[in-house]
């Protein structure tokens, strides 16, 4: 049974609602002033995620966008450059914060089909030590990338590459636990060797708000200052951190259900001749449609209690805590009806 939803919302796993256990933990949370480092629940959350991911220190922030921004501001100086994917969240979907706030130049590259960046292409865009160029400082990867878990051997090669080239390495791990569950490995195996990792608690894990940035003690001390500068200092933040603790303790293994639902959704939709289906990729399925058909599909399914959000060339369907097995069957049948109706018209 899906939790708290009257519609089937497949736009994103950010639409999840806090579970009853989370709400109870929030109501009972012990709190203090987190700007002074005195909120015991925030401190517990930060310690817990350090232990899980294998880092010395962590910093609780309101959002993944702010977490990535603080990572970039901490790693780079004005005039430095970071390399990221052309459709990476930290480059395309975070308002250009690194450039606007930090004067940090992005160098975007096309992602490979598996969600990786070609390391030879990265090497080719690293700037020489010449005053005509900016200083290439940081390589940013994303895991998962549009639902795709980056290959483990690639991560090892990326770490070695960054060290050889003198680059720092940041991982936008908004859905990193989806990757660890899908690959059946401890999350530490994914994070090993990265200088910083950002983890989102408010996607598939189900917390109502919050991300955590992890790194060395010295890195997090500097990131703490940047969090204050960009307005991320919160006071009695333990109220929301409590939900993040529940998310980590109860939500990680549950992600396998989302992946199973995405697999069932993809299998059912692949039986529709008019659809080109890509996936499943962890908890995501992609449909390739013309913009007109995608918009018609959006309207048709919305009238039947299903919400999707098509982009210019495809529709992304995301399974999450609020989607159950019965919902998957409903979505498949409604999509079949949509195309049958168009064929009959």
Protein backbone atom coordinates (compact mmCIF):
# COMPACT_ATOMS: atom_id res chain seq x y z
CA UNK A 1 0.00 0.00 0.00
CA UNK A 2 1.36 3.41 -0.93
CA UNK A 3 1.72 5.95 1.86
CA UNK A 4 -0.32 9.17 2.03
CA UNK A 5 -0.95 9.43 -1.73
CA UNK A 6 -4.31 9.83 -3.47
CA UNK A 7 -2.63 9.84 -6.89
CA UNK A 8 0.18 7.85 -8.45
CA UNK A 9 2.99 10.39 -8.75
CA UNK A 10 5.86 9.21 -10.94
CA UNK A 11 7.56 12.57 -11.51
CA UNK A 12 10.38 11.99 -9.03
CA UNK A 13 11.32 10.22 -5.82
CA UNK A 14 11.41 13.68 -4.22
CA UNK A 15 7.62 13.55 -3.83
CA UNK A 16 7.77 10.96 -1.03
CA UNK A 17 6.11 11.79 2.29
CA UNK A 18 7.68 11.10 5.70
CA UNK A 19 6.61 7.79 7.19
CA UNK A 20 4.80 7.56 10.55
CA UNK A 21 8.09 6.44 12.12
CA UNK A 22 9.81 9.55 10.78
CA UNK A 23 7.05 11.82 12.04
CA UNK A 24 7.28 10.28 15.50
CA UNK A 25 11.06 10.66 15.54
CA UNK A 26 10.75 14.30 14.48
CA UNK A 27 8.25 15.02 17.22
CA UNK A 28 10.50 13.50 19.86
CA UNK A 29 13.87 14.74 18.58
CA UNK A 30 16.34 16.18 21.04
CA UNK A 31 17.59 19.48 19.64
CA UNK A 32 20.12 22.26 20.10
CA UNK A 33 21.63 25.06 18.00
CA UNK A 34 23.30 23.38 15.03
CA UNK A 35 25.13 26.56 13.94
CA UNK A 36 27.05 26.19 17.21
CA UNK A 37 27.37 22.45 16.57
CA UNK A 38 25.16 21.74 19.59
CA UNK A 39 22.26 19.83 18.07
CA UNK A 40 22.69 16.23 19.30
CA UNK A 41 20.39 14.74 16.66
CA UNK A 42 22.21 16.46 13.81
CA UNK A 43 25.51 15.32 15.28
CA UNK A 44 24.23 11.76 15.48
CA UNK A 45 23.08 11.88 11.84
CA UNK A 46 26.47 13.19 10.72
CA UNK A 47 28.31 10.50 12.69
CA UNK A 48 26.04 7.80 11.31
CA UNK A 49 26.59 8.74 7.69
CA UNK A 50 30.36 9.09 8.23
CA UNK A 51 30.38 5.53 9.53
CA UNK A 52 28.30 4.30 6.59
CA UNK A 53 30.32 6.05 3.88
CA UNK A 54 33.79 5.83 5.44
CA UNK A 55 34.59 9.52 5.95
CA UNK A 56 36.06 11.49 8.83
CA UNK A 57 33.42 14.21 8.98
CA UNK A 58 30.05 15.27 7.59
CA UNK A 59 27.83 18.34 7.36
CA UNK A 60 24.02 18.41 7.32
CA UNK A 61 22.54 20.82 4.76
CA UNK A 62 19.01 21.73 3.68
CA UNK A 63 19.31 20.45 0.09
CA UNK A 64 21.41 18.52 -2.37
CA UNK A 65 21.89 21.67 -4.46
CA UNK A 66 23.41 23.47 -1.49
CA UNK A 67 25.50 20.44 -0.58
CA UNK A 68 27.03 20.28 -4.07
CA UNK A 69 27.52 24.04 -4.07
CA UNK A 70 29.38 23.97 -0.75
CA UNK A 71 31.54 21.13 -2.04
CA UNK A 72 32.49 23.11 -5.15
CA UNK A 73 33.13 26.30 -3.16
CA UNK A 74 35.32 24.39 -0.71
CA UNK A 75 37.35 22.55 -3.32
CA UNK A 76 37.80 25.42 -5.76
CA UNK A 77 38.89 29.05 -5.74
CA UNK A 78 37.58 31.84 -7.96
CA UNK A 79 38.84 31.23 -11.48
CA UNK A 80 39.23 27.48 -10.99
CA UNK A 81 37.40 24.99 -13.18
CA UNK A 82 35.43 21.82 -12.54
CA UNK A 83 34.69 19.07 -15.07
CA UNK A 84 31.19 17.57 -15.05
CA UNK A 85 28.69 15.86 -17.32
CA UNK A 86 26.63 17.94 -19.72
CA UNK A 87 23.42 16.83 -18.00
CA UNK A 88 24.91 16.48 -14.51
CA UNK A 89 22.72 17.90 -11.78
CA UNK A 90 25.56 19.99 -10.33
CA UNK A 91 26.11 21.62 -13.73
CA UNK A 92 22.72 21.87 -15.44
CA UNK A 93 20.06 21.80 -12.74
CA UNK A 94 21.44 23.87 -9.87
CA UNK A 95 21.06 27.38 -11.24
CA UNK A 96 24.73 27.85 -12.13
CA UNK A 97 25.50 28.41 -8.46
CA UNK A 98 29.20 27.56 -8.67
CA UNK A 99 29.74 30.15 -11.40
CA UNK A 100 27.44 32.77 -9.89
CA UNK A 101 28.53 32.50 -6.26
CA UNK A 102 32.05 31.14 -6.54
CA UNK A 103 33.34 32.31 -9.91
CA UNK A 104 34.08 28.66 -10.71
CA UNK A 105 34.07 27.79 -14.41
CA UNK A 106 32.34 24.58 -15.51
CA UNK A 107 33.75 22.37 -18.25
CA UNK A 108 30.88 20.10 -19.33
CA UNK A 109 31.37 16.87 -21.28
CA UNK A 110 28.86 14.44 -22.74
CA UNK A 111 28.06 11.44 -20.58
CA UNK A 112 28.71 7.99 -21.98
CA UNK A 113 25.74 5.65 -22.35
CA UNK A 114 26.51 4.02 -18.98
CA UNK A 115 26.52 7.36 -17.11
CA UNK A 116 30.31 7.67 -16.92
CA UNK A 117 32.59 10.40 -18.24
CA UNK A 118 35.22 9.18 -20.70
CA UNK A 119 38.48 9.69 -18.82
CA UNK A 120 40.40 10.28 -22.04
CA UNK A 121 37.99 13.12 -22.83
CA UNK A 122 38.46 14.48 -19.31
CA UNK A 123 42.24 14.37 -19.79
CA UNK A 124 41.89 16.28 -23.06
CA UNK A 125 40.10 19.23 -21.41
CA UNK A 126 42.47 19.62 -18.45
CA UNK A 127 44.02 23.02 -18.95
CA UNK A 128 47.80 23.51 -19.11
CA UNK A 129 49.65 25.68 -16.62
CA UNK A 130 49.34 28.81 -18.70
CA UNK A 131 47.87 32.23 -17.81
CA UNK A 132 45.60 32.02 -20.84
CA UNK A 133 43.62 29.26 -19.13
CA UNK A 134 41.75 28.62 -15.94
CA UNK A 135 43.05 26.02 -13.48
CA UNK A 136 41.30 22.65 -13.81
CA UNK A 137 40.83 21.72 -10.18
CA UNK A 138 38.00 19.24 -9.71
CA UNK A 139 36.31 16.29 -11.42
CA UNK A 140 32.65 15.77 -10.51
CA UNK A 141 30.90 12.44 -11.07
CA UNK A 142 27.26 11.53 -10.42
CA UNK A 143 25.98 8.22 -9.04
CA UNK A 144 23.38 7.24 -9.97
CA UNK A 145 23.31 9.15 -13.27
CA UNK A 146 19.76 9.19 -14.65
CA UNK A 147 19.25 6.04 -12.61
CA UNK A 148 22.35 4.25 -13.86
CA UNK A 149 24.76 2.95 -11.23
CA UNK A 150 28.32 3.68 -12.30
CA UNK A 151 30.43 0.51 -12.82
CA UNK A 152 32.63 -0.26 -9.82
CA UNK A 153 35.75 -0.77 -11.91
CA UNK A 154 35.18 2.63 -13.51
CA UNK A 155 35.07 4.28 -10.09
CA UNK A 156 38.44 2.74 -9.23
CA UNK A 157 39.90 3.97 -12.52
CA UNK A 158 38.44 7.46 -11.95
CA UNK A 159 40.07 7.68 -8.52
CA UNK A 160 43.45 6.62 -9.94
CA UNK A 161 43.02 9.03 -12.86
CA UNK A 162 42.24 11.97 -10.59
CA UNK A 163 45.27 11.28 -8.43
CA UNK A 164 47.54 10.98 -11.46
CA UNK A 165 46.23 14.21 -12.98
CA UNK A 166 46.32 16.15 -9.71
CA UNK A 167 42.54 16.62 -9.61
CA UNK A 168 40.24 16.55 -6.61
CA UNK A 169 37.24 14.23 -6.92
CA UNK A 170 33.65 14.97 -5.85
CA UNK A 171 30.72 12.59 -6.11
CA UNK A 172 27.16 13.84 -6.38
CA UNK A 173 25.78 10.75 -4.69
CA UNK A 174 22.21 11.99 -4.37
CA UNK A 175 21.01 8.43 -5.02
CA UNK A 176 24.18 6.60 -4.00
CA UNK A 177 22.25 4.09 -1.88
CA UNK A 178 20.23 3.12 -4.97
CA UNK A 179 23.56 2.28 -6.57
CA UNK A 180 24.80 0.24 -3.60
CA UNK A 181 21.54 -1.72 -3.39
CA UNK A 182 21.44 -2.35 -7.14
CA UNK A 183 25.05 -3.56 -7.17
CA UNK A 184 24.71 -5.41 -3.85
CA UNK A 185 27.83 -3.81 -2.40
CA UNK A 186 28.56 -1.82 0.72
CA UNK A 187 28.27 1.88 -0.06
CA UNK A 188 31.87 2.35 1.16
CA UNK A 189 33.04 0.45 -1.90
CA UNK A 190 31.49 3.17 -4.05
CA UNK A 191 32.76 6.16 -2.06
CA UNK A 192 36.32 4.91 -1.53
CA UNK A 193 38.90 7.36 -2.85
CA UNK A 194 36.59 10.34 -3.34
CA UNK A 195 37.55 13.60 -1.66
CA UNK A 196 33.90 14.45 -1.00
CA UNK A 197 30.48 12.90 -1.44
CA UNK A 198 27.03 14.48 -1.24
CA UNK A 199 24.14 12.21 -0.21
CA UNK A 200 20.46 13.12 -0.45
CA UNK A 201 18.09 11.93 2.27
CA UNK A 202 14.92 13.29 0.69
CA UNK A 203 14.71 11.14 -2.45
CA UNK A 204 14.25 7.38 -2.33
CA UNK A 205 15.17 7.24 1.36
CA UNK A 206 12.00 9.21 2.07
CA UNK A 207 13.09 11.96 4.48
CA UNK A 208 11.20 15.25 4.02
CA UNK A 209 14.33 17.39 3.62
CA UNK A 210 18.11 17.36 3.83
CA UNK A 211 21.40 16.22 2.35
CA UNK A 212 24.75 15.43 3.94
CA UNK A 213 28.18 16.38 2.61
CA UNK A 214 31.05 14.09 3.61
CA UNK A 215 34.81 14.59 3.50
CA UNK A 216 37.91 14.97 5.62
CA UNK A 217 37.76 16.88 8.91
CA UNK A 218 39.63 19.81 7.38
CA UNK A 219 37.39 19.86 4.30
CA UNK A 220 34.19 19.85 6.37
CA UNK A 221 35.50 22.65 8.59
CA UNK A 222 35.87 24.82 5.50
CA UNK A 223 32.56 23.63 4.06
CA UNK A 224 30.89 24.64 7.34
CA UNK A 225 31.93 28.23 6.68
CA UNK A 226 30.54 28.11 3.14
CA UNK A 227 27.26 26.66 4.43
CA UNK A 228 26.89 29.78 6.57
CA UNK A 229 27.77 32.07 3.67
CA UNK A 230 25.12 30.59 1.36
CA UNK A 231 22.46 30.67 4.07
CA UNK A 232 22.39 27.01 5.04
CA UNK A 233 23.01 27.41 8.76
CA UNK A 234 20.02 26.00 10.62
CA UNK A 235 19.26 26.22 14.31
CA UNK A 236 17.21 23.41 15.92
CA UNK A 237 17.71 21.27 12.83
CA UNK A 238 17.49 18.02 14.77
CA UNK A 239 13.76 17.98 14.08
CA UNK A 240 14.43 17.26 10.41
CA UNK A 241 17.69 15.38 11.02
CA UNK A 242 15.69 12.84 13.03
CA UNK A 243 13.81 11.86 9.88
CA UNK A 244 17.16 11.48 8.11
CA UNK A 245 18.33 9.02 10.75
CA UNK A 246 15.20 6.93 10.26
CA UNK A 247 15.74 7.12 6.50
CA UNK A 248 19.25 5.71 6.84
CA UNK A 249 18.27 3.03 9.34
CA UNK A 250 15.06 1.85 7.65
CA UNK A 251 15.07 3.17 4.09
CA UNK A 252 18.17 1.75 2.44
CA UNK A 253 17.22 -1.91 2.14
CA UNK A 254 13.70 -0.88 1.14
CA UNK A 255 15.08 0.69 -2.06
CA UNK A 256 15.13 -2.81 -3.56
CA UNK A 257 11.32 -2.61 -3.67
CA UNK A 258 11.52 0.53 -5.80
CA UNK A 259 13.92 -1.21 -8.17
CA UNK A 260 11.59 -4.20 -8.46
CA UNK A 261 8.65 -1.91 -9.18
CA UNK A 262 10.66 -0.12 -11.88
CA UNK A 263 11.56 -3.47 -13.45
CA UNK A 264 7.91 -4.56 -13.48
CA UNK A 265 6.87 -1.21 -14.92
CA UNK A 266 9.45 -1.44 -17.71
CA UNK A 267 8.48 -5.03 -18.53
CA UNK A 268 4.82 -4.12 -18.82
CA UNK A 269 5.38 -1.00 -20.92
CA UNK A 270 7.69 -2.84 -23.32
CA UNK A 271 4.62 -4.77 -24.47
CA UNK A 272 3.21 -1.55 -25.95
CA UNK A 273 4.40 -1.37 -29.57
CA UNK A 274 4.18 2.42 -29.77
CA UNK A 275 6.59 2.90 -26.87
CA UNK A 276 10.38 2.86 -26.84
CA UNK A 277 11.35 1.94 -23.28
CA UNK A 278 14.79 2.50 -21.76
CA UNK A 279 15.34 0.80 -18.44
CA UNK A 280 14.87 -0.10 -15.75
CA UNK A 281 17.79 1.82 -14.29
CA UNK A 282 17.51 1.31 -10.53
CA UNK A 283 14.22 3.15 -9.80
CA UNK A 284 13.82 4.89 -13.17
CA UNK A 285 12.23 4.04 -16.51
CA UNK A 286 12.38 6.29 -19.58
CA UNK A 287 9.92 6.47 -22.46
CA UNK A 288 10.86 8.01 -25.80
CA UNK A 289 7.91 9.82 -27.40
CA UNK A 290 7.32 12.77 -29.66
CA UNK A 291 6.61 15.96 -27.68
CA UNK A 292 2.99 16.04 -28.87
CA UNK A 293 2.29 12.43 -27.89
CA UNK A 294 4.10 12.89 -24.57
CA UNK A 295 1.93 15.90 -23.73
CA UNK A 296 -1.24 14.02 -24.72
CA UNK A 297 -0.14 11.09 -22.55
CA UNK A 298 0.50 13.43 -19.62
CA UNK A 299 -3.05 14.81 -19.85
CA UNK A 300 -4.64 11.39 -20.36
CA UNK A 301 -2.97 9.75 -17.38
CA UNK A 302 -3.51 12.81 -15.15
CA UNK A 303 -7.24 12.52 -15.69
CA UNK A 304 -6.92 8.96 -14.38
CA UNK A 305 -4.94 9.80 -11.24
CA UNK A 306 -1.38 9.43 -12.54
CA UNK A 307 1.16 12.27 -12.68
CA UNK A 308 4.14 12.28 -15.07
CA UNK A 309 6.40 15.11 -16.22
CA UNK A 310 7.57 14.79 -19.83
CA UNK A 311 10.65 16.64 -21.06
CA UNK A 312 11.34 17.63 -24.66
CA UNK A 313 12.11 14.15 -25.89
CA UNK A 314 11.11 11.61 -23.25
CA UNK A 315 9.13 10.80 -20.14
CA UNK A 316 10.89 9.77 -16.93
CA UNK A 317 8.97 7.48 -14.59
CA UNK A 318 10.38 7.18 -11.07
CA UNK A 319 9.27 4.60 -8.51
CA UNK A 320 9.56 5.37 -4.80
CA UNK A 321 8.11 4.91 -1.33
CA UNK A 322 4.72 6.18 -2.52
CA UNK A 323 4.34 3.63 -5.34
CA UNK A 324 3.09 0.08 -4.75
CA UNK A 325 2.68 -3.03 -6.91
CA UNK A 326 -0.96 -2.24 -7.65
CA UNK A 327 0.06 1.22 -8.87
CA UNK A 328 2.49 -0.30 -11.35
CA UNK A 329 -0.27 -2.43 -12.85
CA UNK A 330 -2.56 0.58 -13.03
CA UNK A 331 0.03 2.66 -14.87
CA UNK A 332 0.69 -0.10 -17.40
CA UNK A 333 -3.03 -0.58 -18.09
CA UNK A 334 -3.73 3.15 -18.42
CA UNK A 335 -0.85 3.52 -20.89
CA UNK A 336 -2.18 0.58 -22.90
CA UNK A 337 -5.61 2.21 -22.96
CA UNK A 338 -4.12 5.52 -24.11
CA UNK A 339 -2.46 4.01 -27.16
CA UNK A 340 -5.45 1.79 -27.93
CA UNK A 341 -7.67 4.89 -27.90
CA UNK A 342 -5.30 6.75 -30.25
CA UNK A 343 -5.20 3.79 -32.64
CA UNK A 344 -8.98 3.56 -32.69
CA UNK A 345 -9.47 7.30 -33.31
